[in-house]
Amino acid sequence: MESLNFQINALVWTVSCYVLMFVLIGFVLIAFYGVFWLVCVIIASVRASQGGEFRYPLTVRLVS
């Protein structure tokens, strides 16, 4: 469920960044968010392969 919540939040953040591209701040935000997303996914994958858990930061728990 944690990964599903993170991916739903990622979709919302990405759409928000694309909307903000009309005022040019979205280009910077999408770059930062892309790096943040990639780092979180890699860390979560490593922890899952080791049998651990990972709670994604900045994630609103929509699905329980």
N, C-alpha and C. Protein backbone atom coordinates (compact mmCIF):
# COMPACT_ATOMS: atom_id res chain seq x y z
N MET A 1 0.81 -1.20 0.00
CA MET A 1 0.00 0.00 0.00
C MET A 1 0.86 1.27 0.00
N GLU A 2 2.01 1.17 0.64
CA GLU A 2 2.89 2.34 0.73
C GLU A 2 3.32 2.80 -0.67
N SER A 3 3.69 1.84 -1.51
CA SER A 3 4.12 2.18 -2.86
C SER A 3 2.97 2.76 -3.69
N LEU A 4 1.78 2.21 -3.51
CA LEU A 4 0.61 2.72 -4.23
C LEU A 4 0.34 4.17 -3.84
N ASN A 5 0.39 4.46 -2.55
CA ASN A 5 0.20 5.84 -2.10
C ASN A 5 1.26 6.77 -2.68
N PHE A 6 2.50 6.29 -2.72
CA PHE A 6 3.57 7.11 -3.27
C PHE A 6 3.35 7.39 -4.75
N GLN A 7 2.93 6.39 -5.50
CA GLN A 7 2.71 6.57 -6.93
C GLN A 7 1.52 7.49 -7.22
N ILE A 8 0.47 7.41 -6.40
CA ILE A 8 -0.67 8.33 -6.55
C ILE A 8 -0.21 9.76 -6.28
N ASN A 9 0.57 9.94 -5.23
CA ASN A 9 1.11 11.26 -4.92
C ASN A 9 2.04 11.75 -6.01
N ALA A 10 2.82 10.84 -6.59
CA ALA A 10 3.73 11.21 -7.67
C ALA A 10 2.94 11.72 -8.87
N LEU A 11 1.82 11.08 -9.17
CA LEU A 11 0.98 11.54 -10.27
C LEU A 11 0.46 12.95 -10.01
N VAL A 12 0.00 13.18 -8.80
CA VAL A 12 -0.54 14.51 -8.44
C VAL A 12 0.56 15.56 -8.52
N TRP A 13 1.74 15.26 -7.98
CA TRP A 13 2.85 16.22 -8.04
C TRP A 13 3.29 16.49 -9.48
N THR A 14 3.33 15.45 -10.30
CA THR A 14 3.75 15.63 -11.69
C THR A 14 2.76 16.49 -12.47
N VAL A 15 1.48 16.24 -12.30
CA VAL A 15 0.46 17.04 -12.98
C VAL A 15 0.55 18.49 -12.49
N SER A 16 0.76 18.67 -11.19
CA SER A 16 0.89 20.04 -10.65
C SER A 16 2.10 20.75 -11.25
N CYS A 17 3.20 20.04 -11.41
CA CYS A 17 4.39 20.65 -12.01
C CYS A 17 4.15 21.02 -13.47
N TYR A 18 3.45 20.16 -14.19
CA TYR A 18 3.15 20.47 -15.59
C TYR A 18 2.25 21.69 -15.70
N VAL A 19 1.30 21.84 -14.79
CA VAL A 19 0.45 23.03 -14.80
C VAL A 19 1.29 24.27 -14.49
N LEU A 20 2.23 24.14 -13.55
CA LEU A 20 3.07 25.28 -13.18
C LEU A 20 4.10 25.64 -14.26
N MET A 21 4.24 24.80 -15.28
CA MET A 21 5.15 25.14 -16.37
C MET A 21 4.69 26.37 -17.14
N PHE A 22 3.41 26.72 -17.01
CA PHE A 22 2.92 27.92 -17.67
C PHE A 22 3.48 29.18 -17.04
N VAL A 23 3.91 29.09 -15.78
CA VAL A 23 4.55 30.23 -15.12
C VAL A 23 6.05 29.97 -14.93
N LEU A 24 6.58 29.01 -15.64
CA LEU A 24 7.99 28.67 -15.75
C LEU A 24 8.62 28.04 -14.51
N ILE A 25 8.00 28.09 -13.35
CA ILE A 25 8.57 27.45 -12.15
C ILE A 25 8.45 25.93 -12.24
N GLY A 26 7.51 25.44 -13.03
CA GLY A 26 7.29 24.01 -13.16
C GLY A 26 8.48 23.26 -13.74
N PHE A 27 9.26 23.92 -14.60
CA PHE A 27 10.42 23.27 -15.20
C PHE A 27 11.46 22.91 -14.13
N VAL A 28 11.65 23.81 -13.19
CA VAL A 28 12.60 23.55 -12.10
C VAL A 28 12.04 22.50 -11.15
N LEU A 29 10.76 22.63 -10.81
CA LEU A 29 10.14 21.71 -9.87
C LEU A 29 10.10 20.27 -10.40
N ILE A 30 9.81 20.12 -11.69
CA ILE A 30 9.73 18.77 -12.26
C ILE A 30 11.11 18.10 -12.26
N ALA A 31 12.16 18.87 -12.44
CA ALA A 31 13.52 18.31 -12.39
C ALA A 31 13.85 17.84 -10.97
N PHE A 32 13.57 18.69 -9.98
CA PHE A 32 13.83 18.31 -8.60
C PHE A 32 12.98 17.13 -8.17
N TYR A 33 11.72 17.13 -8.56
CA TYR A 33 10.84 16.03 -8.17
C TYR A 33 11.25 14.72 -8.86
N GLY A 34 11.71 14.81 -10.09
CA GLY A 34 12.17 13.61 -10.79
C GLY A 34 13.34 12.95 -10.08
N VAL A 35 14.29 13.75 -9.62
CA VAL A 35 15.44 13.22 -8.88
C VAL A 35 14.96 12.63 -7.55
N PHE A 36 14.09 13.35 -6.84
CA PHE A 36 13.54 12.87 -5.57
C PHE A 36 12.82 11.54 -5.76
N TRP A 37 12.00 11.45 -6.79
CA TRP A 37 11.25 10.22 -7.07
C TRP A 37 12.19 9.05 -7.34
N LEU A 38 13.20 9.28 -8.17
CA LEU A 38 14.14 8.22 -8.52
C LEU A 38 14.91 7.73 -7.30
N VAL A 39 15.38 8.64 -6.47
CA VAL A 39 16.12 8.26 -5.27
C VAL A 39 15.23 7.45 -4.32
N CYS A 40 14.00 7.89 -4.12
CA CYS A 40 13.08 7.17 -3.24
C CYS A 40 12.78 5.77 -3.75
N VAL A 41 12.57 5.63 -5.04
CA VAL A 41 12.27 4.31 -5.62
C VAL A 41 13.46 3.38 -5.49
N ILE A 42 14.66 3.89 -5.70
CA ILE A 42 15.86 3.05 -5.57
C ILE A 42 16.05 2.61 -4.12
N ILE A 43 15.92 3.53 -3.17
CA ILE A 43 16.07 3.18 -1.76
C ILE A 43 15.02 2.16 -1.34
N ALA A 44 13.78 2.36 -1.76
CA ALA A 44 12.71 1.42 -1.41
C ALA A 44 12.96 0.05 -2.02
N SER A 45 13.47 0.00 -3.23
CA SER A 45 13.76 -1.28 -3.89
C SER A 45 14.86 -2.04 -3.16
N VAL A 46 15.89 -1.32 -2.75
CA VAL A 46 16.98 -1.96 -2.02
C VAL A 46 16.49 -2.49 -0.68
N ARG A 47 15.72 -1.68 0.03
CA ARG A 47 15.19 -2.12 1.33
C ARG A 47 14.25 -3.32 1.17
N ALA A 48 13.43 -3.32 0.13
CA ALA A 48 12.52 -4.44 -0.09
C ALA A 48 13.28 -5.71 -0.43
N SER A 49 14.35 -5.60 -1.18
CA SER A 49 15.14 -6.78 -1.53
C SER A 49 15.86 -7.36 -0.32
N GLN A 50 16.09 -6.51 0.69
CA GLN A 50 16.72 -6.97 1.92
C GLN A 50 15.69 -7.41 2.95
N GLY A 51 14.42 -7.34 2.60
CA GLY A 51 13.35 -7.77 3.50
C GLY A 51 12.89 -6.70 4.46
N GLY A 52 13.32 -5.46 4.26
CA GLY A 52 12.94 -4.37 5.15
C GLY A 52 11.75 -3.59 4.62
N GLU A 53 11.38 -2.58 5.38
CA GLU A 53 10.29 -1.69 4.97
C GLU A 53 10.84 -0.29 4.73
N PHE A 54 10.13 0.46 3.93
CA PHE A 54 10.51 1.84 3.65
C PHE A 54 9.26 2.69 3.61
N ARG A 55 9.24 3.76 4.40
CA ARG A 55 8.12 4.70 4.36
C ARG A 55 8.57 5.91 3.54
N TYR A 56 7.87 6.14 2.47
CA TYR A 56 8.22 7.24 1.58
C TYR A 56 7.98 8.58 2.27
N PRO A 57 8.93 9.52 2.14
CA PRO A 57 8.71 10.84 2.72
C PRO A 57 7.75 11.67 1.85
N LEU A 58 7.13 12.66 2.45
CA LEU A 58 6.25 13.60 1.75
C LEU A 58 5.07 12.91 1.07
N THR A 59 4.59 11.83 1.64
CA THR A 59 3.50 11.06 1.03
C THR A 59 2.25 11.14 1.90
N VAL A 60 1.17 11.54 1.29
CA VAL A 60 -0.12 11.54 1.97
C VAL A 60 -0.72 10.15 1.82
N ARG A 61 -1.08 9.53 2.93
CA ARG A 61 -1.64 8.17 2.90
C ARG A 61 -3.09 8.24 2.48
N LEU A 62 -3.38 7.98 1.21
CA LEU A 62 -4.74 8.04 0.67
C LEU A 62 -5.43 6.69 0.73
N VAL A 63 -4.67 5.62 0.54
CA VAL A 63 -5.19 4.26 0.55
C VAL A 63 -4.65 3.58 1.80
N SER A 64 -5.54 2.94 2.57
CA SER A 64 -5.03 2.31 3.79
C SER A 64 -5.00 0.82 3.72
